[in-house]
Amino acid sequence: MRVIIVGAGQVGSTIAEELAPLHDVVVIDVDRDRVESLTYDVDVLAVEGDGAELATLREAGLTDADMLIASTDDDETNIVVSGTAKTVADVFTIARVKNTKFLRTWRQAAGAFGVDHMVGTNLLTAQTVVRVIGLPAARDAETFAEGCIQMAEFGVPEDSPVANQTVREADRFESLTFAAILGEDDVVIPRGDTVIEPGSDVVVIGSPDSVREFAGALVPDADGLSDVFIIGGSDIGFHTARLLEQQGLTPRVIEQDPDRARELAEELTGSTVLESDATDREFLERENIDEADAVVTALDSDEKSLLSGLLAKRLGASRAIAVVDNGEYVPLFEAVGIDVAVNPREATAEEITRFTREQRAENVAIIESDRAEVLEIEVDAESVLVDRPIRESVADLPDGVVIGAISRDGELIKPRGDTVIEIDDHVVVFVDAEVIEEANSQL
């Protein structure tokens, strides 16, 4: 497949790196330095120019392209690029936008703007935050098979009862598969005697109930999610509050600007909006932030988000999740005390990459950018899995592949050695990044 990516910033470069091994990728950017640096690191064709100009798109081979991804930092540019491409080529277009008004218009009128698929960065970021916020120690989470199966990646705290246990000792759950243990430099496919080291990350796949139970075993003092603070009434903060309202929660939103606080109070009828400075310690203590199950910081500056999150933790909040605009800050935030740092650009790049890969899978979750993938596969007659006990079919798959769960007619089946997978089953599989191409050819 030939893919044209307009915009070589963090989003575009990440997508290019993910797609280049499997596809013919062309990247367009107005910045000469970005264009040159990208060609040194990734096997792509780079074109210097304005992707909104038809001449530049033609130079990039638009008429031969199968897909165009508009991923600049400007919403209007991405929409114009998509519309321009559609006027002269039969190409599938994907546009990244931050402002949800464009997303709403596109959803109401299919094909609006000449965009076939639109990814809303702010809404997507809020969804990412909400997915992990209710699972103690979770770093990522995704659902498969219409909600029947859940995957989650958990950090293992040093004081967790599960730390230093073997997988056999920790596996006390009816429908849970330990798919992988992620160390700093390696991906371990666990056996029964594999030790769960403190500080490692564990990827589990199973029913949503069993995943929640495992989260409770990791952090037994967590009482569930009831009291959530959102610091910053940005668009991301607004969407996070709205999504939590839909789950029956009443989040508290702290916004310093009086006009914005008034707007939020009018729109978020299920939230409590507080007009104040989130770095005001006395205010936070009066609001009992020490009893908060989670604090989400979504301010207009990464530095302010970091300080607010660390202050909330210091005052006793159980968990701090920060929205971080600069992707290079993510490991720093998590190293100094923020529990989870969510980078909107990284989340957007993963979502677009996921969509391009869903041409060969029902759903895809990308683990830690590129270390592994969790795939949902609808089994057909060509699959190595079909009509065979799992212990036989797994022997033909490369190392680094784990069958995590099976959905048959909407019911969850925990995979065991003698389980026979049937045609039309939905199988959720963990795949180490090093064997993705080989595994895909067999699954």
Protein backbone atom coordinates (compact mmCIF):
# COMPACT_ATOMS: atom_id res chain seq x y z
CA MET A 1 0.00 0.00 0.00
CA ARG A 2 1.26 3.50 -0.85
CA VAL A 3 0.68 5.98 1.98
CA ILE A 4 1.25 9.74 1.87
CA ILE A 5 1.70 11.47 5.24
CA VAL A 6 1.44 15.27 5.33
CA GLY A 7 3.27 16.66 8.35
CA ALA A 8 6.53 15.26 9.74
CA GLY A 9 6.12 16.37 13.36
CA GLN A 10 5.82 13.91 16.24
CA VAL A 11 2.55 12.45 14.96
CA GLY A 12 3.57 12.13 11.32
CA SER A 13 7.05 10.81 12.10
CA THR A 14 5.69 8.20 14.50
CA ILE A 15 3.13 7.00 11.95
CA ALA A 16 5.83 6.85 9.27
CA GLU A 17 8.09 4.74 11.50
CA GLU A 18 5.25 2.32 12.22
CA LEU A 19 4.05 1.96 8.62
CA ALA A 20 7.36 2.01 6.73
CA PRO A 21 8.28 -1.66 7.32
CA LEU A 22 5.04 -2.82 5.69
CA HIS A 23 4.14 -0.07 3.20
CA ASP A 24 5.52 2.37 0.65
CA VAL A 25 5.48 5.64 2.63
CA VAL A 26 5.94 9.23 1.40
CA VAL A 27 6.15 12.11 3.90
CA ILE A 28 5.54 15.79 3.03
CA ASP A 29 6.62 18.71 5.22
CA VAL A 30 7.49 22.37 4.70
CA ASP A 31 10.44 22.09 7.10
CA ARG A 32 13.63 21.05 5.26
CA ASP A 33 15.35 19.88 8.47
CA ARG A 34 12.45 17.61 9.39
CA VAL A 35 12.39 16.14 5.89
CA GLU A 36 16.11 15.44 5.90
CA SER A 37 16.27 14.01 9.43
CA LEU A 38 13.35 11.68 8.77
CA THR A 39 15.01 10.10 5.72
CA TYR A 40 18.11 9.33 7.80
CA ASP A 41 16.12 7.38 10.38
CA VAL A 42 13.26 5.81 8.43
CA ASP A 43 12.98 4.11 5.04
CA VAL A 44 10.58 6.63 3.50
CA LEU A 45 10.53 9.02 0.58
CA ALA A 46 10.42 12.61 1.88
CA VAL A 47 9.15 15.60 -0.10
CA GLU A 48 9.77 19.19 0.97
CA GLY A 49 6.73 21.35 0.27
CA ASP A 50 3.23 22.44 1.28
CA GLY A 51 0.88 19.46 1.39
CA ALA A 52 -2.09 21.75 0.82
CA GLU A 53 -0.79 22.51 -2.68
CA LEU A 54 -1.87 20.18 -5.45
CA ALA A 55 1.54 20.34 -7.14
CA THR A 56 3.24 19.04 -3.99
CA LEU A 57 0.72 16.21 -3.63
CA ARG A 58 1.27 15.22 -7.24
CA GLU A 59 5.03 15.27 -6.73
CA ALA A 60 4.48 12.83 -3.85
CA GLY A 61 2.61 10.48 -6.20
CA LEU A 62 -0.96 11.19 -5.10
CA THR A 63 -2.59 9.53 -8.10
CA ASP A 64 -0.90 6.22 -7.17
CA ALA A 65 -1.58 6.51 -3.43
CA ASP A 66 -4.03 4.30 -1.55
CA MET A 67 -4.15 6.42 1.61
CA LEU A 68 -3.39 10.00 2.63
CA ILE A 69 -2.91 10.98 6.28
CA ALA A 70 -3.05 14.71 7.10
CA SER A 71 -1.27 15.10 10.44
CA THR A 72 -0.04 18.68 10.72
CA ASP A 73 -0.66 20.69 13.90
CA ASP A 74 -3.28 22.83 12.13
CA ASP A 75 -6.85 21.51 11.86
CA GLU A 76 -7.82 23.61 8.86
CA THR A 77 -4.71 22.59 6.94
CA ASN A 78 -5.45 18.92 7.51
CA ILE A 79 -9.01 19.35 6.26
CA VAL A 80 -7.89 21.31 3.19
CA VAL A 81 -5.25 18.69 2.38
CA SER A 82 -7.83 15.90 2.55
CA GLY A 83 -10.36 17.79 0.43
CA THR A 84 -7.74 18.71 -2.15
CA ALA A 85 -6.57 15.13 -2.46
CA LYS A 86 -10.13 13.89 -2.97
CA THR A 87 -10.69 16.21 -5.93
CA VAL A 88 -8.04 14.52 -8.07
CA ALA A 89 -7.49 11.01 -6.72
CA ASP A 90 -9.38 7.99 -5.45
CA VAL A 91 -7.53 7.94 -2.15
CA PHE A 92 -8.67 7.12 1.40
CA THR A 93 -8.13 10.20 3.57
CA ILE A 94 -7.48 10.44 7.33
CA ALA A 95 -7.37 13.84 9.03
CA ARG A 96 -6.19 14.70 12.53
CA VAL A 97 -8.08 17.52 14.28
CA LYS A 98 -7.98 18.96 17.78
CA ASN A 99 -11.18 21.01 17.72
CA THR A 100 -14.15 18.72 18.27
CA LYS A 101 -16.50 20.99 16.28
CA PHE A 102 -14.92 19.55 13.11
CA LEU A 103 -15.33 16.04 14.48
CA ARG A 104 -19.02 16.65 15.25
CA THR A 105 -19.66 18.04 11.75
CA TRP A 106 -17.86 15.12 10.13
CA ARG A 107 -19.85 12.58 12.16
CA GLN A 108 -23.15 14.24 11.30
CA ALA A 109 -22.40 14.33 7.57
CA ALA A 110 -20.51 11.28 6.36
CA GLY A 111 -17.66 12.24 4.08
CA ALA A 112 -17.79 15.92 5.06
CA PHE A 113 -14.67 17.93 4.15
CA GLY A 114 -13.49 15.12 1.87
CA VAL A 115 -12.34 13.17 4.95
CA ASP A 116 -12.99 9.43 5.13
CA HIS A 117 -11.79 9.02 8.71
CA MET A 118 -11.25 11.76 11.29
CA VAL A 119 -9.30 11.44 14.54
CA GLY A 120 -10.11 14.02 17.23
CA THR A 121 -6.96 14.50 19.30
CA ASN A 122 -8.58 16.11 22.37
CA LEU A 123 -11.45 13.64 22.61
CA LEU A 124 -9.10 10.72 22.01
CA THR A 125 -6.80 11.92 24.79
CA ALA A 126 -9.72 12.19 27.20
CA GLN A 127 -10.83 8.67 26.28
CA THR A 128 -7.32 7.41 26.92
CA VAL A 129 -7.31 9.04 30.37
CA VAL A 130 -10.71 7.63 31.27
CA ARG A 131 -9.75 4.09 30.18
CA VAL A 132 -6.92 3.93 32.70
CA ILE A 133 -8.31 6.09 35.46
CA GLY A 134 -10.59 3.43 36.94
CA LEU A 135 -7.96 0.66 37.10
CA PRO A 136 -5.39 1.11 39.88
CA ALA A 137 -1.82 0.91 38.54
CA ALA A 138 -3.05 0.68 34.91
CA ARG A 139 -0.86 2.30 32.27
CA ASP A 140 -3.03 1.38 29.30
CA ALA A 141 -6.31 -0.42 28.63
CA GLU A 142 -8.37 -1.41 25.62
CA THR A 143 -11.52 -3.44 24.98
CA PHE A 144 -12.08 -6.06 22.28
CA ALA A 145 -14.89 -8.24 20.96
CA GLU A 146 -17.57 -5.60 21.61
CA GLY A 147 -16.56 -5.24 25.25
CA CYS A 148 -16.41 -8.96 26.03
CA ILE A 149 -12.61 -8.93 26.38
CA GLN A 150 -10.28 -6.39 27.94
CA MET A 151 -6.53 -5.91 27.71
CA ALA A 152 -4.68 -3.87 30.31
CA GLU A 153 -1.07 -3.03 31.03
CA PHE A 154 -0.26 -2.55 34.71
CA GLY A 155 2.82 -1.25 36.46
CA VAL A 156 3.73 -3.44 39.44
CA PRO A 157 4.36 -1.28 42.55
CA GLU A 158 7.20 -2.39 44.80
CA ASP A 159 4.85 -2.78 47.76
CA SER A 160 2.24 -4.73 45.79
CA PRO A 161 1.30 -8.19 47.12
CA VAL A 162 1.81 -9.49 43.57
CA ALA A 163 5.42 -8.26 43.38
CA ASN A 164 7.95 -11.13 43.53
CA GLN A 165 5.22 -13.74 43.13
CA THR A 166 5.37 -16.26 40.32
CA VAL A 167 2.71 -16.08 37.62
CA ARG A 168 1.30 -19.35 38.98
CA GLU A 169 0.91 -17.79 42.43
CA ALA A 170 -0.61 -14.57 41.04
CA ASP A 171 -3.03 -16.31 38.67
CA ARG A 172 -6.06 -16.58 40.95
CA PHE A 173 -8.61 -15.33 38.42
CA GLU A 174 -11.14 -17.38 36.50
CA SER A 175 -10.75 -15.78 33.08
CA LEU A 176 -7.40 -14.00 32.92
CA THR A 177 -4.32 -14.68 30.81
CA PHE A 178 -0.90 -13.28 31.71
CA ALA A 179 0.23 -12.34 28.20
CA ALA A 180 3.58 -10.67 28.83
CA ILE A 181 5.88 -9.06 31.36
CA LEU A 182 7.64 -5.97 30.07
CA GLY A 183 11.00 -5.19 31.59
CA GLU A 184 13.07 -2.14 30.83
CA ASP A 185 14.73 -3.77 27.82
CA ASP A 186 12.88 -7.00 27.13
CA VAL A 187 9.50 -8.60 26.57
CA VAL A 188 9.04 -11.87 28.49
CA ILE A 189 6.33 -14.37 27.59
CA PRO A 190 5.61 -15.71 31.08
CA ARG A 191 5.45 -19.30 32.24
CA GLY A 192 4.05 -20.50 35.52
CA ASP A 193 7.37 -20.10 37.31
CA THR A 194 8.13 -16.64 35.88
CA VAL A 195 8.59 -14.11 38.70
CA ILE A 196 6.71 -10.82 38.49
CA GLU A 197 9.41 -8.33 39.33
CA PRO A 198 8.50 -5.06 41.08
CA GLY A 199 8.80 -2.15 38.66
CA SER A 200 7.97 -4.28 35.63
CA ASP A 201 4.79 -3.96 33.57
CA VAL A 202 2.34 -6.85 33.21
CA VAL A 203 0.01 -7.22 30.23
CA VAL A 204 -3.14 -9.23 30.98
CA ILE A 205 -6.06 -10.21 28.76
CA GLY A 206 -9.43 -11.49 29.97
CA SER A 207 -12.92 -10.51 31.00
CA PRO A 208 -13.39 -6.93 32.27
CA ASP A 209 -14.32 -8.31 35.70
CA SER A 210 -11.17 -10.40 35.96
CA VAL A 211 -9.00 -7.47 34.86
CA ARG A 212 -10.58 -5.30 37.57
CA GLU A 213 -10.00 -8.07 40.13
CA PHE A 214 -6.35 -8.27 39.14
CA ALA A 215 -6.06 -4.49 39.50
CA GLY A 216 -7.47 -4.86 43.00
CA ALA A 217 -4.90 -7.56 43.81
CA LEU A 218 -2.08 -5.30 42.62
CA VAL A 219 -3.26 -2.39 44.78
CA PRO A 220 -5.51 -3.91 47.46
CA ASP A 221 -6.06 -0.62 49.32
CA ALA A 222 -7.78 0.97 46.32
CA ASP A 223 -11.52 1.27 46.97
CA GLY A 224 -12.64 1.93 43.41
CA LEU A 225 -13.21 5.22 41.65
CA SER A 226 -15.56 7.75 43.21
CA ASP A 227 -13.72 11.03 43.83
CA VAL A 228 -11.92 12.53 40.81
CA PHE A 229 -10.40 16.00 40.42
CA ILE A 230 -9.70 17.45 36.97
CA ILE A 231 -7.27 20.35 37.11
CA GLY A 232 -7.67 22.56 34.07
CA GLY A 233 -10.82 23.29 32.09
CA SER A 234 -9.15 22.84 28.70
CA ASP A 235 -10.96 21.00 25.94
CA ILE A 236 -9.30 17.80 27.12
CA GLY A 237 -10.34 18.48 30.70
CA PHE A 238 -13.90 19.18 29.56
CA HIS A 239 -14.15 15.90 27.61
CA THR A 240 -12.63 13.94 30.48
CA ALA A 241 -15.27 15.31 32.85
CA ARG A 242 -18.08 14.62 30.39
CA LEU A 243 -16.96 11.01 29.88
CA LEU A 244 -16.75 10.47 33.64
CA GLU A 245 -20.25 11.93 34.03
CA GLN A 246 -21.47 9.30 31.56
CA GLN A 247 -20.09 6.66 33.93
CA GLY A 248 -22.18 8.06 36.76
CA LEU A 249 -19.37 9.95 38.48
CA THR A 250 -19.39 13.56 39.67
CA PRO A 251 -15.90 14.88 38.97
CA ARG A 252 -14.66 18.18 40.38
CA VAL A 253 -13.16 20.50 37.76
CA ILE A 254 -10.78 23.25 38.91
CA GLU A 255 -10.45 26.18 36.49
CA GLN A 256 -8.79 29.51 37.33
CA ASP A 257 -10.29 31.64 34.54
CA PRO A 258 -13.73 32.96 35.64
CA ASP A 259 -15.24 33.06 32.15
CA ARG A 260 -14.11 29.54 31.30
CA ALA A 261 -15.27 28.27 34.69
CA ARG A 262 -18.72 29.73 33.99
CA GLU A 263 -18.86 28.03 30.58
CA LEU A 264 -17.89 24.70 32.09
CA ALA A 265 -20.47 24.99 34.84
CA GLU A 266 -23.18 25.55 32.23
CA GLU A 267 -22.11 22.59 30.05
CA LEU A 268 -21.03 20.05 32.68
CA THR A 269 -24.26 19.65 34.60
CA GLY A 270 -23.05 16.48 36.32
CA SER A 271 -19.76 17.95 37.53
CA THR A 272 -18.79 20.41 40.23
CA VAL A 273 -16.81 23.32 38.77
CA LEU A 274 -14.54 25.21 41.15
CA GLU A 275 -12.98 28.55 40.22
CA SER A 276 -9.53 28.57 41.80
CA ASP A 277 -5.78 28.23 41.33
CA ALA A 278 -4.92 24.52 41.53
CA THR A 279 -1.55 25.34 43.10
CA ASP A 280 -3.29 26.95 46.10
CA ARG A 281 -2.47 24.44 48.82
CA GLU A 282 -5.03 25.73 51.32
CA PHE A 283 -7.79 25.50 48.72
CA LEU A 284 -6.84 21.93 47.84
CA GLU A 285 -6.77 20.94 51.49
CA ARG A 286 -10.21 22.48 52.05
CA GLU A 287 -11.53 20.47 49.13
CA ASN A 288 -10.08 17.29 50.69
CA ILE A 289 -7.87 16.42 47.77
CA ASP A 290 -6.16 13.92 50.07
CA GLU A 291 -9.28 11.75 49.64
CA ALA A 292 -9.15 11.86 45.83
CA ASP A 293 -8.95 8.53 44.04
CA ALA A 294 -7.43 10.26 41.02
CA VAL A 295 -6.30 13.71 39.93
CA VAL A 296 -6.08 14.54 36.22
CA THR A 297 -3.98 17.58 35.27
CA ALA A 298 -4.81 19.11 31.88
CA LEU A 299 -3.40 22.62 32.03
CA ASP A 300 -2.06 24.83 29.26
CA SER A 301 1.56 24.18 30.22
CA ASP A 302 3.39 20.94 30.90
CA GLU A 303 5.28 22.51 33.78
CA LYS A 304 2.03 23.61 35.49
CA SER A 305 0.51 20.17 34.96
CA LEU A 306 3.56 18.54 36.54
CA LEU A 307 3.58 20.84 39.57
CA SER A 308 -0.17 20.48 40.12
CA GLY A 309 0.00 16.71 39.87
CA LEU A 310 2.95 16.42 42.25
CA LEU A 311 1.30 18.78 44.75
CA ALA A 312 -1.90 16.73 44.69
CA LYS A 313 0.10 13.55 45.31
CA ARG A 314 2.05 15.20 48.12
CA LEU A 315 -1.23 16.21 49.77
CA GLY A 316 -2.42 12.59 49.67
CA ALA A 317 -4.25 11.98 46.38
CA SER A 318 -4.04 8.32 45.45
CA ARG A 319 -3.15 8.74 41.79
CA ALA A 320 -2.05 11.51 39.40
CA ILE A 321 -2.53 11.38 35.64
CA ALA A 322 -1.03 14.22 33.61
CA VAL A 323 -1.69 15.30 30.03
CA VAL A 324 1.74 16.14 28.61
CA ASP A 325 2.05 18.05 25.36
CA ASN A 326 5.77 17.40 24.89
CA GLY A 327 6.28 13.68 24.29
CA GLU A 328 9.89 13.85 25.49
CA TYR A 329 8.62 14.75 28.97
CA VAL A 330 6.57 11.56 29.41
CA PRO A 331 9.32 9.42 31.01
CA LEU A 332 10.45 12.38 33.12
CA PHE A 333 6.95 12.95 34.51
CA GLU A 334 6.57 9.30 35.42
CA ALA A 335 10.08 9.15 36.92
CA VAL A 336 9.43 12.00 39.38
CA GLY A 337 6.06 10.84 40.69
CA ILE A 338 3.26 11.20 38.14
CA ASP A 339 1.58 7.80 37.84
CA VAL A 340 0.61 8.03 34.14
CA ALA A 341 1.59 10.67 31.60
CA VAL A 342 -0.59 10.83 28.47
CA ASN A 343 0.81 12.57 25.39
CA PRO A 344 -1.95 13.63 22.95
CA ARG A 345 0.35 13.40 19.93
CA GLU A 346 1.46 9.89 20.80
CA ALA A 347 -2.12 8.81 21.45
CA THR A 348 -3.16 10.26 18.07
CA ALA A 349 -0.30 8.58 16.21
CA GLU A 350 -1.20 5.24 17.78
CA GLU A 351 -4.87 5.65 16.91
CA ILE A 352 -4.12 6.43 13.25
CA THR A 353 -1.63 3.57 13.06
CA ARG A 354 -4.21 1.30 14.66
CA PHE A 355 -6.80 2.30 12.07
CA THR A 356 -4.46 1.57 9.16
CA ARG A 357 -3.69 -1.84 10.63
CA GLU A 358 -7.32 -2.75 11.19
CA GLN A 359 -7.46 -3.64 7.51
CA ARG A 360 -5.96 -6.96 8.63
CA ALA A 361 -7.46 -7.18 12.13
CA GLU A 362 -10.73 -6.33 13.84
CA ASN A 363 -8.99 -4.20 16.45
CA VAL A 364 -5.41 -3.38 17.39
CA ALA A 365 -3.82 -2.05 20.58
CA ILE A 366 -0.22 -0.87 20.35
CA ILE A 367 1.77 -1.49 23.52
CA GLU A 368 4.19 1.27 24.59
CA SER A 369 4.34 2.77 21.10
CA ASP A 370 6.05 -0.14 19.37
CA ARG A 371 7.09 -2.90 21.78
CA ALA A 372 4.14 -5.19 21.02
CA GLU A 373 0.60 -5.34 19.68
CA VAL A 374 -2.60 -6.94 20.88
CA LEU A 375 -4.74 -7.99 17.92
CA GLU A 376 -8.33 -9.11 17.61
CA ILE A 377 -8.56 -11.62 14.76
CA GLU A 378 -11.72 -13.13 13.30
CA VAL A 379 -10.60 -16.66 12.49
CA ASP A 380 -11.11 -17.91 8.94
CA ALA A 381 -10.36 -21.18 7.17
CA GLU A 382 -6.82 -20.05 6.29
CA SER A 383 -5.73 -19.45 9.89
CA VAL A 384 -3.21 -21.76 11.51
CA LEU A 385 -5.46 -21.68 14.59
CA VAL A 386 -8.62 -23.16 13.11
CA ASP A 387 -9.93 -26.61 14.14
CA ARG A 388 -6.84 -27.47 16.17
CA PRO A 389 -6.11 -27.63 19.90
CA ILE A 390 -4.25 -24.50 20.95
CA ARG A 391 -1.20 -26.48 22.10
CA GLU A 392 -0.74 -27.68 18.50
CA SER A 393 -1.36 -24.40 16.72
CA VAL A 394 0.86 -22.41 19.08
CA ALA A 395 3.75 -24.75 18.26
CA ASP A 396 3.54 -23.49 14.65
CA LEU A 397 3.52 -19.81 15.66
CA PRO A 398 6.72 -17.82 16.36
CA ASP A 399 7.92 -17.24 19.90
CA GLY A 400 6.40 -14.07 21.27
CA VAL A 401 2.78 -14.90 20.46
CA VAL A 402 0.22 -15.54 23.21
CA ILE A 403 -3.45 -16.38 22.70
CA GLY A 404 -5.07 -14.27 25.39
CA ALA A 405 -8.82 -14.84 25.04
CA ILE A 406 -11.50 -16.17 22.70
CA SER A 407 -14.96 -14.78 22.05
CA ARG A 408 -17.49 -17.20 20.54
CA ASP A 409 -21.02 -15.96 19.85
CA GLY A 410 -20.48 -13.16 22.35
CA GLU A 411 -19.25 -15.43 25.15
CA LEU A 412 -15.74 -15.39 26.59
CA ILE A 413 -13.68 -18.58 26.47
CA LYS A 414 -10.41 -18.76 28.42
CA PRO A 415 -7.85 -20.47 26.16
CA ARG A 416 -6.34 -23.71 27.40
CA GLY A 417 -4.10 -26.24 25.70
CA ASP A 418 -6.95 -28.47 24.60
CA THR A 419 -9.27 -25.62 23.49
CA VAL A 420 -10.19 -25.94 19.81
CA ILE A 421 -10.63 -22.63 17.98
CA GLU A 422 -13.41 -22.54 15.40
CA ILE A 423 -14.08 -20.51 12.26
CA ASP A 424 -15.63 -17.09 13.07
CA ASP A 425 -14.23 -17.09 16.62
CA HIS A 426 -12.75 -13.75 17.67
CA VAL A 427 -9.32 -14.37 19.14
CA VAL A 428 -7.34 -11.72 21.02
CA VAL A 429 -3.61 -12.31 20.63
CA PHE A 430 -0.53 -10.67 22.15
CA VAL A 431 2.32 -10.37 19.62
CA ASP A 432 5.87 -9.22 20.30
CA ALA A 433 6.85 -6.49 17.83
CA GLU A 434 9.78 -8.57 16.54
CA VAL A 435 7.48 -11.26 15.12
CA ILE A 436 4.46 -9.22 14.02
CA GLU A 437 4.92 -9.75 10.27
CA GLU A 438 5.47 -13.50 10.62
CA ALA A 439 2.55 -13.91 13.03
CA ASN A 440 0.17 -11.94 10.82
CA SER A 441 0.84 -14.22 7.87
CA GLN A 442 -0.29 -17.22 9.95
CA LEU A 443 -3.11 -15.82 12.07
